[in-house]
């Protein structure tokens, strides 16, 4: 059998542009995560605003 050599280790991960590869993968990933978060948060905020505005208000008699 063939013996495997030692595999390399990851010492650090740096966010940002890598001049040796395309950063499109990172951009698309963050775009998808951001769009998902926005899609989840938007209906929650809308429901809170609607719930807050539907509270009963005391009737005001404006007749002189």
C-alpha atoms as a PDB file:
ATOM      1  CA  UNK A   1       0.000   0.000   0.000  1.00  0.00           C
ATOM      2  CA  UNK A   2       0.989   3.571  -0.574  1.00  0.00           C
ATOM      3  CA  UNK A   3       1.788   5.574   2.466  1.00  0.00           C
ATOM      4  CA  UNK A   4       0.244   9.001   2.679  1.00  0.00           C
ATOM      5  CA  UNK A   5       2.456  11.986   3.339  1.00  0.00           C
ATOM      6  CA  UNK A   6       1.680  14.518   6.020  1.00  0.00           C
ATOM      7  CA  UNK A   7      -1.163  16.787   5.092  1.00  0.00           C
ATOM      8  CA  UNK A   8      -0.912  20.531   5.432  1.00  0.00           C
ATOM      9  CA  UNK A   9      -2.619  22.411   8.225  1.00  0.00           C
ATOM     10  CA  UNK A  10      -4.639  25.597   8.154  1.00  0.00           C
ATOM     11  CA  UNK A  11      -2.975  28.168  10.370  1.00  0.00           C
ATOM     12  CA  UNK A  12      -5.295  31.129   9.776  1.00  0.00           C
ATOM     13  CA  UNK A  13      -8.265  32.268   7.750  1.00  0.00           C
ATOM     14  CA  UNK A  14      -8.234  35.812   6.402  1.00  0.00           C
ATOM     15  CA  UNK A  15     -11.404  37.429   5.109  1.00  0.00           C
ATOM     16  CA  UNK A  16     -11.068  39.613   2.076  1.00  0.00           C
ATOM     17  CA  UNK A  17      -9.715  39.445  -1.429  1.00  0.00           C
ATOM     18  CA  UNK A  18      -7.184  36.835  -2.354  1.00  0.00           C
ATOM     19  CA  UNK A  19      -5.165  37.923  -5.389  1.00  0.00           C
ATOM     20  CA  UNK A  20      -4.616  34.304  -6.381  1.00  0.00           C
ATOM     21  CA  UNK A  21      -8.288  33.378  -6.656  1.00  0.00           C
ATOM     22  CA  UNK A  22     -11.676  34.864  -7.356  1.00  0.00           C
ATOM     23  CA  UNK A  23     -13.493  36.479  -4.455  1.00  0.00           C
ATOM     24  CA  UNK A  24     -16.818  35.917  -6.210  1.00  0.00           C
ATOM     25  CA  UNK A  25     -17.568  32.866  -4.049  1.00  0.00           C
ATOM     26  CA  UNK A  26     -17.298  34.893  -0.862  1.00  0.00           C
ATOM     27  CA  UNK A  27     -19.343  37.756  -2.330  1.00  0.00           C
ATOM     28  CA  UNK A  28     -22.141  35.432  -3.444  1.00  0.00           C
ATOM     29  CA  UNK A  29     -22.153  33.663  -0.080  1.00  0.00           C
ATOM     30  CA  UNK A  30     -22.541  36.912   1.857  1.00  0.00           C
ATOM     31  CA  UNK A  31     -25.170  38.104  -0.621  1.00  0.00           C
ATOM     32  CA  UNK A  32     -27.216  34.932  -0.071  1.00  0.00           C
ATOM     33  CA  UNK A  33     -26.841  35.091   3.716  1.00  0.00           C
ATOM     34  CA  UNK A  34     -27.823  38.765   3.741  1.00  0.00           C
ATOM     35  CA  UNK A  35     -30.830  38.190   1.482  1.00  0.00           C
ATOM     36  CA  UNK A  36     -31.976  35.296   3.662  1.00  0.00           C
ATOM     37  CA  UNK A  37     -31.661  37.366   6.832  1.00  0.00           C
ATOM     38  CA  UNK A  38     -33.559  40.236   5.222  1.00  0.00           C
ATOM     39  CA  UNK A  39     -36.300  37.864   4.030  1.00  0.00           C
ATOM     40  CA  UNK A  40     -36.712  36.565   7.577  1.00  0.00           C
ATOM     41  CA  UNK A  41     -36.601  39.935   9.347  1.00  0.00           C
ATOM     42  CA  UNK A  42     -38.903  41.880   6.991  1.00  0.00           C
ATOM     43  CA  UNK A  43     -42.166  40.000   7.779  1.00  0.00           C
ATOM     44  CA  UNK A  44     -41.378  40.108  11.499  1.00  0.00           C
ATOM     45  CA  UNK A  45     -40.958  43.894  11.418  1.00  0.00           C
ATOM     46  CA  UNK A  46     -44.121  44.239   9.316  1.00  0.00           C
ATOM     47  CA  UNK A  47     -46.097  42.114  11.762  1.00  0.00           C
ATOM     48  CA  UNK A  48     -44.837  44.145  14.716  1.00  0.00           C
ATOM     49  CA  UNK A  49     -45.764  47.424  13.011  1.00  0.00           C
ATOM     50  CA  UNK A  50     -49.212  46.132  12.055  1.00  0.00           C
ATOM     51  CA  UNK A  51     -49.833  44.775  15.558  1.00  0.00           C
ATOM     52  CA  UNK A  52     -48.795  48.093  17.067  1.00  0.00           C
ATOM     53  CA  UNK A  53     -50.988  50.175  14.752  1.00  0.00           C
ATOM     54  CA  UNK A  54     -54.116  48.002  15.251  1.00  0.00           C
ATOM     55  CA  UNK A  55     -54.494  48.826  18.933  1.00  0.00           C
ATOM     56  CA  UNK A  56     -57.889  50.388  19.705  1.00  0.00           C
ATOM     57  CA  UNK A  57     -57.927  54.152  20.033  1.00  0.00           C
ATOM     58  CA  UNK A  58     -60.385  56.040  22.204  1.00  0.00           C
ATOM     59  CA  UNK A  59     -63.150  57.650  20.160  1.00  0.00           C
ATOM     60  CA  UNK A  60     -63.020  61.439  19.977  1.00  0.00           C
ATOM     61  CA  UNK A  61     -66.254  63.402  19.657  1.00  0.00           C
ATOM     62  CA  UNK A  62     -65.576  66.315  17.282  1.00  0.00           C
ATOM     63  CA  UNK A  63     -69.195  67.555  17.064  1.00  0.00           C
ATOM     64  CA  UNK A  64     -69.737  71.139  18.326  1.00  0.00           C
END
